[in-house]
Amino acid sequence: MHPTIETMMEVVAKGDAAAIAPILAEEVRFLPPTYWAVWQGRAPVAAVLGYVGQVFSDFRYRRVMGSGDDWALEFQCKIGEFDAVGVDLITLGEDGLIAEFEVVMRPLKSVEALRQAMNDRVKSDPRFLEFGKALKSGG
């Protein structure tokens, strides 16, 4: 397994943005499961991913598939009272850092709970006033 993927599996669920940032490319793109926009840049993406450890409980990776630059990591977790399953779709850049990170999840009830929990955190975090400029239209 690629060392960046191994590190990601260790640190993402802990919710530590400082531990996540070093494995992200400077211009990483993050496509969340909760809305159409794309977060871009190491600092805002690390901050968003840092909230994962606060929002998800009982998080664990079930399967890891991939090689080279393309990886799919299936996970399960709880969001409040709701069970969820999802897949982290990871593309590594030439430098071995995460260049693109897309998350797909189900069921809808769980994704809605995630959206609310993340919005509550982002709204109360002053860093996101600055990071708002990094939010790009994703279609």
Protein backbone atom coordinates (compact mmCIF):
# COMPACT_ATOMS: atom_id res chain seq x y z
CA MET A 1 0.00 0.00 0.00
CA HIS A 2 1.18 3.54 -0.69
CA PRO A 3 2.58 5.30 2.44
CA THR A 4 0.29 8.33 1.93
CA ILE A 5 -2.77 6.06 1.94
CA GLU A 6 -1.51 4.29 5.08
CA THR A 7 -1.01 7.63 6.83
CA MET A 8 -4.41 8.88 5.68
CA MET A 9 -6.10 5.83 7.14
CA GLU A 10 -4.40 6.50 10.48
CA VAL A 11 -5.06 10.24 10.79
CA VAL A 12 -8.31 11.21 9.03
CA ALA A 13 -10.68 9.67 11.58
CA LYS A 14 -8.75 11.29 14.46
CA GLY A 15 -9.89 14.75 13.41
CA ASP A 16 -6.44 16.32 13.65
CA ALA A 17 -6.07 18.88 10.84
CA ALA A 18 -2.36 19.33 11.65
CA ALA A 19 -1.73 15.62 11.06
CA ILE A 20 -3.78 15.60 7.85
CA ALA A 21 -2.18 18.64 6.19
CA PRO A 22 1.25 17.09 5.40
CA ILE A 23 -0.30 14.38 3.19
CA LEU A 24 -2.28 16.89 1.11
CA ALA A 25 -0.93 18.57 -2.01
CA GLU A 26 -0.79 22.37 -1.84
CA GLU A 27 -3.68 22.69 -4.35
CA VAL A 28 -5.62 19.58 -3.27
CA ARG A 29 -9.27 19.42 -4.34
CA PHE A 30 -11.87 18.00 -1.94
CA LEU A 31 -15.31 16.98 -3.21
CA PRO A 32 -17.59 16.37 -0.21
CA PRO A 33 -20.69 14.16 -0.23
CA THR A 34 -22.88 16.91 1.20
CA TYR A 35 -22.96 19.60 -1.50
CA TRP A 36 -21.93 20.47 -5.03
CA ALA A 37 -18.99 22.75 -4.24
CA VAL A 38 -15.30 21.85 -4.26
CA TRP A 39 -12.88 22.89 -1.52
CA GLN A 40 -9.41 23.66 -2.83
CA GLY A 41 -6.11 24.20 -1.01
CA ARG A 42 -4.22 22.41 1.76
CA ALA A 43 -5.34 24.59 4.70
CA PRO A 44 -9.11 24.59 4.05
CA VAL A 45 -9.21 20.92 3.08
CA ALA A 46 -7.21 19.91 6.17
CA ALA A 47 -9.60 21.97 8.31
CA VAL A 48 -12.69 20.36 6.77
CA LEU A 49 -11.22 16.87 7.07
CA GLY A 50 -10.20 17.68 10.64
CA TYR A 51 -13.87 17.81 11.57
CA VAL A 52 -14.36 14.20 10.47
CA GLY A 53 -13.12 12.90 13.80
CA GLN A 54 -15.64 15.12 15.58
CA VAL A 55 -18.63 14.18 13.42
CA PHE A 56 -18.01 10.48 12.69
CA SER A 57 -17.98 7.86 15.42
CA ASP A 58 -17.19 4.15 15.19
CA PHE A 59 -15.24 4.95 12.01
CA ARG A 60 -13.33 2.16 10.31
CA TYR A 61 -12.11 1.31 6.84
CA ARG A 62 -13.58 -1.97 5.57
CA ARG A 63 -11.80 -2.39 2.24
CA VAL A 64 -8.95 -0.72 0.41
CA MET A 65 -8.70 -1.06 -3.34
CA GLY A 66 -6.19 0.50 -5.66
CA SER A 67 -2.63 0.90 -6.70
CA GLY A 68 -0.34 3.57 -8.04
CA ASP A 69 -2.10 6.94 -7.96
CA ASP A 70 -5.75 5.78 -7.72
CA TRP A 71 -7.32 4.43 -4.54
CA ALA A 72 -10.80 3.64 -3.21
CA LEU A 73 -11.24 3.16 0.53
CA GLU A 74 -14.60 1.86 1.71
CA PHE A 75 -15.59 2.92 5.22
CA GLN A 76 -18.41 2.65 7.72
CA CYS A 77 -19.27 4.96 10.58
CA LYS A 78 -22.03 6.52 12.61
CA ILE A 79 -23.17 10.12 12.31
CA GLY A 80 -25.15 10.78 15.44
CA GLU A 81 -27.72 7.99 15.54
CA PHE A 82 -27.38 7.10 11.85
CA ASP A 83 -25.24 4.40 10.28
CA ALA A 84 -23.39 5.31 7.10
CA VAL A 85 -21.17 3.70 4.52
CA GLY A 86 -19.02 5.49 2.02
CA VAL A 87 -16.00 5.47 -0.20
CA ASP A 88 -13.02 7.83 -0.21
CA LEU A 89 -11.81 8.17 -3.80
CA ILE A 90 -8.21 9.33 -3.69
CA THR A 91 -5.92 10.48 -6.49
CA LEU A 92 -2.27 10.99 -5.63
CA GLY A 93 -0.10 13.49 -7.46
CA GLU A 94 3.38 12.90 -8.85
CA ASP A 95 4.77 13.94 -5.45
CA GLY A 96 2.81 11.14 -3.73
CA LEU A 97 0.52 13.59 -1.90
CA ILE A 98 -3.27 13.60 -2.13
CA ALA A 99 -4.23 15.73 -5.15
CA GLU A 100 -7.94 14.92 -5.17
CA PHE A 101 -10.16 13.53 -2.42
CA GLU A 102 -13.78 12.73 -3.23
CA VAL A 103 -16.22 11.19 -0.77
CA VAL A 104 -19.41 9.36 -1.73
CA MET A 105 -21.81 8.16 0.98
CA ARG A 106 -25.18 6.65 1.69
CA PRO A 107 -27.92 6.61 2.90
CA LEU A 108 -29.38 10.06 2.35
CA LYS A 109 -30.50 10.41 5.99
CA SER A 110 -26.90 9.98 7.13
CA VAL A 111 -25.54 12.41 4.53
CA GLU A 112 -28.10 15.00 5.67
CA ALA A 113 -26.97 14.52 9.29
CA LEU A 114 -23.35 14.94 8.17
CA ARG A 115 -24.19 18.12 6.26
CA GLN A 116 -25.87 19.67 9.29
CA ALA A 117 -23.05 18.70 11.66
CA MET A 118 -20.36 20.04 9.31
CA ASN A 119 -22.28 23.27 8.64
CA ASP A 120 -22.60 23.87 12.38
CA ARG A 121 -18.83 23.54 12.79
CA VAL A 122 -17.86 25.59 9.75
CA LYS A 123 -20.21 28.44 10.72
CA SER A 124 -18.62 28.70 14.17
CA ASP A 125 -14.99 28.44 12.95
CA PRO A 126 -13.48 31.86 12.11
CA ARG A 127 -10.93 30.22 9.79
CA PHE A 128 -13.72 29.55 7.33
CA LEU A 129 -14.33 33.24 6.70
CA GLU A 130 -10.84 33.23 5.17
CA PHE A 131 -11.24 29.82 3.56
CA GLY A 132 -14.54 30.81 1.94
CA LYS A 133 -12.48 32.25 -0.87
CA ALA A 134 -11.15 28.76 -1.54
CA LEU A 135 -14.62 27.33 -2.17
CA LYS A 136 -14.90 26.90 -5.93
CA SER A 137 -17.93 26.04 -7.99
CA GLY A 138 -17.92 22.37 -8.81
CA GLY A 139 -21.07 22.06 -10.92
